[in-house]
Amino acid sequence: MARETIKAFSGRIIGYIDTKPNGDKQVSSWTGKILGYYIKSQDVTRDFYGKIVARGDASGMLLSMAD
């Protein structure tokens, strides 16, 4: 699994995007709270509760929900 660290312009860590070998992604805040998922086979982005929030890969958008 590959981990991408997302930082603000100031250098503060906002969150992480973990990409699985099959292309699925898990988005988490800097505290480790899971914010949502991108499911490649369905080509949808879902929030933590499983609700579809976007068609396609909008995993970066989930970071706006970080605490």
C-alpha atoms as a PDB file:
ATOM      1  CA  MET A   1       0.000   0.000   0.000  1.00  0.00           C
ATOM      2  CA  ALA A   2       1.393   3.401  -0.984  1.00  0.00           C
ATOM      3  CA  ARG A   3       0.878   6.371   1.353  1.00  0.00           C
ATOM      4  CA  GLU A   4       0.748   9.951   0.140  1.00  0.00           C
ATOM      5  CA  THR A   5       1.096  12.697   2.747  1.00  0.00           C
ATOM      6  CA  ILE A   6      -0.964  15.807   1.986  1.00  0.00           C
ATOM      7  CA  LYS A   7       0.369  19.074   3.395  1.00  0.00           C
ATOM      8  CA  ALA A   8      -0.896  22.652   3.540  1.00  0.00           C
ATOM      9  CA  PHE A   9       1.187  25.431   2.020  1.00  0.00           C
ATOM     10  CA  SER A  10       2.569  26.148   5.498  1.00  0.00           C
ATOM     11  CA  GLY A  11       3.925  22.595   5.724  1.00  0.00           C
ATOM     12  CA  ARG A  12       1.362  21.325   8.230  1.00  0.00           C
ATOM     13  CA  ILE A  13       0.124  17.793   7.509  1.00  0.00           C
ATOM     14  CA  ILE A  14      -3.564  17.807   6.547  1.00  0.00           C
ATOM     15  CA  GLY A  15      -4.018  14.097   5.964  1.00  0.00           C
ATOM     16  CA  TYR A  16      -3.044  10.940   4.120  1.00  0.00           C
ATOM     17  CA  ILE A  17      -4.210   9.042   1.049  1.00  0.00           C
ATOM     18  CA  ASP A  18      -3.409   5.327   1.097  1.00  0.00           C
ATOM     19  CA  THR A  19      -3.627   3.594  -2.283  1.00  0.00           C
ATOM     20  CA  LYS A  20      -4.127  -0.168  -2.400  1.00  0.00           C
ATOM     21  CA  PRO A  21      -2.666  -2.321  -5.215  1.00  0.00           C
ATOM     22  CA  ASN A  22      -6.116  -2.621  -6.856  1.00  0.00           C
ATOM     23  CA  GLY A  23      -6.427   1.191  -7.105  1.00  0.00           C
ATOM     24  CA  ASP A  24      -8.803   1.744  -4.188  1.00  0.00           C
ATOM     25  CA  LYS A  25      -7.929   4.651  -1.899  1.00  0.00           C
ATOM     26  CA  GLN A  26      -8.539   5.355   1.771  1.00  0.00           C
ATOM     27  CA  VAL A  27      -8.434   8.981   2.935  1.00  0.00           C
ATOM     28  CA  SER A  28      -7.653   9.831   6.546  1.00  0.00           C
ATOM     29  CA  SER A  29      -7.071  13.014   8.520  1.00  0.00           C
ATOM     30  CA  TRP A  30      -3.751  13.856  10.160  1.00  0.00           C
ATOM     31  CA  THR A  31      -5.121  12.324  13.381  1.00  0.00           C
ATOM     32  CA  GLY A  32      -5.826   9.010  11.633  1.00  0.00           C
ATOM     33  CA  LYS A  33      -9.615   9.393  11.440  1.00  0.00           C
ATOM     34  CA  ILE A  34     -10.921   7.757   8.255  1.00  0.00           C
ATOM     35  CA  LEU A  35     -12.737  10.333   6.122  1.00  0.00           C
ATOM     36  CA  GLY A  36     -13.765   8.174   3.173  1.00  0.00           C
ATOM     37  CA  TYR A  37     -12.846   5.932   0.294  1.00  0.00           C
ATOM     38  CA  TYR A  38     -12.442   5.882  -3.470  1.00  0.00           C
ATOM     39  CA  ILE A  39     -13.536   2.538  -4.963  1.00  0.00           C
ATOM     40  CA  LYS A  40     -11.923   2.131  -8.371  1.00  0.00           C
ATOM     41  CA  SER A  41     -14.114  -0.763  -9.579  1.00  0.00           C
ATOM     42  CA  GLN A  42     -17.245   1.383  -9.056  1.00  0.00           C
ATOM     43  CA  ASP A  43     -15.493   4.696  -9.905  1.00  0.00           C
ATOM     44  CA  VAL A  44     -17.131   6.442  -6.936  1.00  0.00           C
ATOM     45  CA  THR A  45     -15.928   8.326  -3.880  1.00  0.00           C
ATOM     46  CA  ARG A  46     -17.753   7.582  -0.637  1.00  0.00           C
ATOM     47  CA  ASP A  47     -17.615   9.325   2.715  1.00  0.00           C
ATOM     48  CA  PHE A  48     -17.020   7.574   6.037  1.00  0.00           C
ATOM     49  CA  TYR A  49     -20.698   6.590   6.257  1.00  0.00           C
ATOM     50  CA  GLY A  50     -20.730   4.996   2.795  1.00  0.00           C
ATOM     51  CA  LYS A  51     -22.687   7.769   1.068  1.00  0.00           C
ATOM     52  CA  ILE A  52     -21.574   8.530  -2.492  1.00  0.00           C
ATOM     53  CA  VAL A  53     -20.181  12.066  -2.547  1.00  0.00           C
ATOM     54  CA  ALA A  54     -18.768  12.067  -6.100  1.00  0.00           C
ATOM     55  CA  ARG A  55     -18.504  10.051  -9.285  1.00  0.00           C
ATOM     56  CA  GLY A  56     -14.843   9.467 -10.071  1.00  0.00           C
ATOM     57  CA  ASP A  57     -11.791  10.002  -7.875  1.00  0.00           C
ATOM     58  CA  ALA A  58     -12.471  12.939  -5.558  1.00  0.00           C
ATOM     59  CA  SER A  59     -10.377  11.613  -2.695  1.00  0.00           C
ATOM     60  CA  GLY A  60      -8.615  14.966  -2.227  1.00  0.00           C
ATOM     61  CA  MET A  61     -11.967  16.640  -1.668  1.00  0.00           C
ATOM     62  CA  LEU A  62     -12.547  14.451   1.374  1.00  0.00           C
ATOM     63  CA  LEU A  63      -9.645  16.190   3.110  1.00  0.00           C
ATOM     64  CA  SER A  64     -11.784  19.310   3.380  1.00  0.00           C
ATOM     65  CA  MET A  65     -13.779  17.339   5.966  1.00  0.00           C
ATOM     66  CA  ALA A  66     -10.651  16.876   8.125  1.00  0.00           C
ATOM     67  CA  ASP A  67     -10.780  18.150  11.675  1.00  0.00           C
END
